[in-house]
Amino acid sequence: MTRSASLIAAPAPKRNWALFLDIDGTLLDIAPSPDAVRVPASLAPVLARAQARLGGALAIASGRTLAEIDQLIAPLRLPCVAEHGAVIRFPGGAVAVAGADHAVPERWKFELCAGARAWRGVMIEEKAYSVAVHYRLAPEREAEVRGLVAAVTSHDPQLFEVLPARMAFEIRHRSLTKASAVERFMPNPPFAGRIPVFVGDDVTDEDGFRAALARGGLALRVDEAFGGEPARVRQWLAAFAAAKAY
């Protein structure tokens, strides 16, 4: 991944920010598989207090499904962009979803499952709109996994792309990006008039970074601003949430 020269060390959060947060690798440590992540009991209360201090202008931007996001930060139901922008929950609770033509074709998912069936440790994560192939438990398969997802995506490279992630490759529609969190939320309350700040750790967060920077905001990459440690992101949020000065 090419790092942006605009990324800066994390300043103390300010109450006039609109904060956009990735989950995996940002709020939570990367796990061997998506369903193996460990969620600190303090996370939801910290997010709730931070959201209150920001007047509600805090949102999640993740490649995970909406149901997974809600499960991870229960009982919160935050504004969020799920599946890289395919599913958007607005501050009032309304949910918008992309058209079916934005979803990775089912036959592609079948090809991926068939191609990786003999590769012990390689896992196919199927979502409604995208699909990820994880090889964290089989790092020696990286080249083969890359070749498989490239071959499948070659069926329609104009509409779909392969994104490298941490020990995974994900196929998504080119129009679905985390930038939609910034683009869809910033024009409206409680985000309007605030400074957008996007916090993420991976290639899929680059679109969100660019969208925040284009609106005069900040892009905070976890490895540069927080030493690559989600625990430090959580501490940063906790300190802001607990601050008494208003």
Protein backbone atom coordinates (compact mmCIF):
# COMPACT_ATOMS: atom_id res chain seq x y z
CA MET A 1 0.00 0.00 0.00
CA THR A 2 1.27 3.47 -0.84
CA ARG A 3 1.19 5.72 2.18
CA SER A 4 -0.17 9.21 1.89
CA ALA A 5 2.15 12.06 2.82
CA SER A 6 -0.90 13.76 4.35
CA LEU A 7 -1.23 11.25 7.17
CA ILE A 8 -0.29 12.74 10.52
CA ALA A 9 0.27 11.70 14.11
CA ALA A 10 -2.94 11.58 16.11
CA PRO A 11 -3.81 14.86 17.84
CA ALA A 12 -6.16 14.91 20.80
CA PRO A 13 -9.75 14.62 19.50
CA LYS A 14 -11.76 17.82 19.41
CA ARG A 15 -15.47 18.29 19.99
CA ASN A 16 -15.98 19.84 16.55
CA TRP A 17 -14.84 16.68 14.79
CA ALA A 18 -16.95 14.17 12.90
CA LEU A 19 -15.23 10.87 13.61
CA PHE A 20 -15.24 7.87 11.25
CA LEU A 21 -13.79 4.62 12.59
CA ASP A 22 -12.82 1.34 10.95
CA ILE A 23 -13.16 -1.79 13.11
CA ASP A 24 -10.69 -4.58 12.29
CA GLY A 25 -7.11 -3.46 12.81
CA THR A 26 -8.35 -0.10 14.12
CA LEU A 27 -10.70 -0.61 17.05
CA LEU A 28 -9.99 -4.33 17.33
CA ASP A 29 -6.87 -6.43 16.87
CA ILE A 30 -6.74 -8.59 13.77
CA ALA A 31 -7.64 -12.21 14.57
CA PRO A 32 -6.95 -15.49 12.74
CA SER A 33 -10.50 -15.30 11.37
CA PRO A 34 -13.17 -12.57 11.39
CA ASP A 35 -15.33 -14.40 13.93
CA ALA A 36 -12.40 -14.85 16.34
CA VAL A 37 -11.90 -11.17 17.20
CA ARG A 38 -11.90 -10.26 20.87
CA VAL A 39 -13.96 -7.25 21.90
CA PRO A 40 -13.02 -5.49 25.15
CA ALA A 41 -16.01 -4.95 27.41
CA SER A 42 -15.07 -1.28 27.60
CA LEU A 43 -15.38 -0.65 23.84
CA ALA A 44 -19.13 0.01 23.56
CA PRO A 45 -19.26 2.33 26.61
CA VAL A 46 -16.27 4.29 25.33
CA LEU A 47 -17.82 4.65 21.87
CA ALA A 48 -21.12 5.77 23.43
CA ARG A 49 -19.41 8.44 25.53
CA ALA A 50 -17.27 9.62 22.61
CA GLN A 51 -20.37 9.84 20.42
CA ALA A 52 -22.11 11.94 23.07
CA ARG A 53 -19.14 14.32 23.31
CA LEU A 54 -19.24 14.71 19.53
CA GLY A 55 -22.93 15.52 19.53
CA GLY A 56 -23.67 12.24 17.78
CA ALA A 57 -21.12 12.71 14.99
CA LEU A 58 -19.40 9.34 15.26
CA ALA A 59 -19.78 6.59 12.68
CA ILE A 60 -18.38 3.18 11.86
CA ALA A 61 -16.98 2.46 8.38
CA SER A 62 -16.25 -1.23 7.88
CA GLY A 63 -16.13 -4.03 5.38
CA ARG A 64 -18.13 -6.17 7.81
CA THR A 65 -21.85 -6.72 7.50
CA LEU A 66 -24.28 -4.53 9.41
CA ALA A 67 -25.28 -7.46 11.62
CA GLU A 68 -21.65 -8.15 12.51
CA ILE A 69 -20.99 -4.51 13.34
CA ASP A 70 -24.00 -4.37 15.63
CA GLN A 71 -22.97 -7.59 17.34
CA LEU A 72 -19.43 -6.35 17.98
CA ILE A 73 -20.49 -3.03 19.54
CA ALA A 74 -23.80 -4.09 21.12
CA PRO A 75 -25.97 -2.59 22.45
CA LEU A 76 -24.99 0.43 20.31
CA ARG A 77 -26.59 1.07 16.94
CA LEU A 78 -24.27 3.70 15.52
CA PRO A 79 -24.49 5.40 12.14
CA CYS A 80 -22.39 3.21 9.91
CA VAL A 81 -21.28 2.16 6.48
CA ALA A 82 -21.14 -1.63 6.17
CA GLU A 83 -19.70 -3.83 3.42
CA HIS A 84 -17.60 -0.94 2.09
CA GLY A 85 -20.63 1.27 1.48
CA ALA A 86 -23.13 -1.28 0.21
CA VAL A 87 -25.23 -0.84 3.34
CA ILE A 88 -25.60 2.54 5.06
CA ARG A 89 -27.40 3.23 8.32
CA PHE A 90 -28.09 6.91 8.77
CA PRO A 91 -28.18 8.73 12.13
CA GLY A 92 -31.97 8.48 12.30
CA GLY A 93 -31.82 4.70 11.86
CA ALA A 94 -32.93 4.48 8.23
CA VAL A 95 -30.98 1.92 6.21
CA ALA A 96 -30.11 2.20 2.50
CA VAL A 97 -28.73 -0.70 0.49
CA ALA A 98 -27.06 -0.88 -2.89
CA GLY A 99 -28.71 -2.58 -5.81
CA ALA A 100 -28.27 -6.30 -6.40
CA ASP A 101 -26.11 -5.53 -9.42
CA HIS A 102 -23.43 -4.26 -7.00
CA ALA A 103 -23.05 -7.68 -5.39
CA VAL A 104 -20.32 -10.14 -6.28
CA PRO A 105 -22.06 -12.76 -8.47
CA GLU A 106 -22.94 -16.00 -6.72
CA ARG A 107 -21.13 -18.01 -9.40
CA TRP A 108 -17.92 -16.17 -8.52
CA LYS A 109 -18.32 -17.19 -4.88
CA PHE A 110 -18.81 -20.77 -6.03
CA GLU A 111 -15.61 -20.57 -8.10
CA LEU A 112 -13.68 -19.23 -5.13
CA CYS A 113 -14.96 -21.96 -2.82
CA ALA A 114 -14.20 -24.64 -5.38
CA GLY A 115 -10.75 -23.27 -6.12
CA ALA A 116 -9.74 -23.01 -2.47
CA ARG A 117 -11.38 -26.23 -1.27
CA ALA A 118 -8.10 -28.17 -1.12
CA TRP A 119 -6.15 -25.37 0.56
CA ARG A 120 -6.20 -26.12 4.27
CA GLY A 121 -6.31 -22.91 6.30
CA VAL A 122 -7.73 -20.73 3.50
CA MET A 123 -11.16 -19.36 4.38
CA ILE A 124 -13.82 -17.82 2.13
CA GLU A 125 -15.82 -15.06 3.84
CA GLU A 126 -19.02 -14.55 1.88
CA LYS A 127 -21.03 -11.37 2.40
CA ALA A 128 -24.12 -10.04 0.66
CA TYR A 129 -22.12 -7.73 -1.60
CA SER A 130 -18.47 -8.74 -1.38
CA VAL A 131 -16.32 -11.77 -0.71
CA ALA A 132 -12.96 -12.08 1.02
CA VAL A 133 -10.45 -14.90 0.84
CA HIS A 134 -8.33 -15.15 4.01
CA TYR A 135 -5.01 -16.98 4.10
CA ARG A 136 -3.73 -15.94 7.53
CA LEU A 137 -3.68 -19.59 8.61
CA ALA A 138 -1.98 -20.62 5.36
CA PRO A 139 0.49 -17.85 4.45
CA GLU A 140 2.28 -20.14 2.02
CA ARG A 141 -0.83 -19.96 -0.19
CA GLU A 142 -0.63 -16.21 -0.79
CA ALA A 143 0.40 -16.43 -4.45
CA GLU A 144 -2.22 -19.05 -5.20
CA VAL A 145 -4.96 -17.08 -3.48
CA ARG A 146 -3.94 -13.94 -5.35
CA GLY A 147 -4.10 -15.83 -8.62
CA LEU A 148 -7.50 -17.30 -7.82
CA VAL A 149 -9.17 -13.98 -6.95
CA ALA A 150 -7.55 -12.33 -9.98
CA ALA A 151 -8.89 -15.06 -12.27
CA VAL A 152 -12.40 -14.75 -10.84
CA THR A 153 -12.44 -10.94 -11.05
CA SER A 154 -11.23 -11.06 -14.66
CA HIS A 155 -14.80 -12.01 -15.61
CA ASP A 156 -15.72 -8.31 -15.18
CA PRO A 157 -12.71 -6.14 -14.25
CA GLN A 158 -14.47 -2.91 -15.21
CA LEU A 159 -17.04 -3.23 -12.44
CA PHE A 160 -15.23 -5.28 -9.81
CA GLU A 161 -11.79 -5.05 -8.22
CA VAL A 162 -9.50 -6.99 -5.90
CA LEU A 163 -8.35 -5.25 -2.72
CA PRO A 164 -5.35 -6.58 -0.80
CA ALA A 165 -6.02 -6.68 2.92
CA ARG A 166 -4.15 -8.10 5.90
CA MET A 167 -3.50 -11.69 4.87
CA ALA A 168 -6.56 -11.60 2.64
CA PHE A 169 -7.86 -10.47 -0.73
CA GLU A 170 -11.35 -9.05 -1.13
CA ILE A 171 -13.48 -8.63 -4.24
CA ARG A 172 -15.91 -5.70 -4.31
CA HIS A 173 -17.78 -3.51 -6.78
CA ARG A 174 -15.64 -0.52 -7.72
CA SER A 175 -18.36 1.96 -6.76
CA LEU A 176 -18.57 0.69 -3.17
CA THR A 177 -16.02 2.39 -0.92
CA LYS A 178 -15.72 3.65 2.62
CA ALA A 179 -15.62 7.19 1.22
CA SER A 180 -19.42 6.95 1.21
CA ALA A 181 -19.38 7.30 5.01
CA VAL A 182 -17.90 10.77 4.70
CA GLU A 183 -19.79 11.72 1.55
CA ARG A 184 -23.22 10.61 2.75
CA PHE A 185 -23.00 11.75 6.38
CA MET A 186 -21.12 15.06 6.25
CA PRO A 187 -23.84 17.14 4.51
CA ASN A 188 -26.38 16.38 7.24
CA PRO A 189 -26.77 16.73 11.03
CA PRO A 190 -25.14 15.86 13.34
CA PHE A 191 -22.08 15.69 11.04
CA ALA A 192 -22.62 18.89 9.04
CA GLY A 193 -20.27 21.77 9.79
CA ARG A 194 -17.73 19.56 11.54
CA ILE A 195 -14.18 18.49 10.63
CA PRO A 196 -14.17 14.93 9.23
CA VAL A 197 -11.54 12.64 10.74
CA PHE A 198 -11.14 9.13 9.36
CA VAL A 199 -9.23 6.48 11.33
CA GLY A 200 -8.23 3.24 9.59
CA ASP A 201 -5.46 0.77 9.00
CA ASP A 202 -5.75 -0.83 5.59
CA VAL A 203 -6.09 -0.40 1.83
CA THR A 204 -9.88 -0.33 2.12
CA ASP A 205 -9.60 2.79 4.30
CA GLU A 206 -7.70 4.83 1.70
CA ASP A 207 -10.93 6.01 0.08
CA GLY A 208 -12.15 7.27 3.44
CA PHE A 209 -8.85 9.03 4.02
CA ARG A 210 -9.10 10.83 0.71
CA ALA A 211 -12.72 11.85 1.31
CA ALA A 212 -11.88 13.31 4.72
CA LEU A 213 -8.83 15.17 3.41
CA ALA A 214 -10.83 16.57 0.48
CA ARG A 215 -13.16 18.22 3.00
CA GLY A 216 -10.37 19.77 5.02
CA GLY A 217 -10.28 16.97 7.56
CA LEU A 218 -7.73 14.51 8.86
CA ALA A 219 -6.63 11.00 7.90
CA LEU A 220 -5.18 8.96 10.74
CA ARG A 221 -3.54 5.67 9.80
CA VAL A 222 -3.18 3.28 12.70
CA ASP A 223 0.40 2.23 11.99
CA GLU A 224 1.59 5.83 11.81
CA ALA A 225 -0.63 7.62 14.31
CA PHE A 226 -1.02 4.84 16.88
CA GLY A 227 2.04 2.63 16.41
CA GLY A 228 -0.03 -0.03 14.68
CA GLU A 229 -1.85 -0.88 17.91
CA PRO A 230 -5.67 -0.84 18.14
CA ALA A 231 -5.29 -0.74 21.92
CA ARG A 232 -3.80 2.74 21.54
CA VAL A 233 -6.74 3.81 19.39
CA ARG A 234 -9.08 2.65 22.15
CA GLN A 235 -7.02 4.48 24.78
CA TRP A 236 -7.12 7.64 22.64
CA LEU A 237 -10.91 7.42 22.42
CA ALA A 238 -11.23 6.60 26.13
CA ALA A 239 -9.20 9.65 27.11
CA PHE A 240 -11.41 11.86 24.96
CA ALA A 241 -14.60 10.25 26.27
CA ALA A 242 -13.49 10.70 29.89
CA ALA A 243 -12.25 14.29 29.58
CA LYS A 244 -14.14 16.69 31.82
CA ALA A 245 -13.31 19.89 29.97
CA TYR A 246 -16.12 21.05 27.70
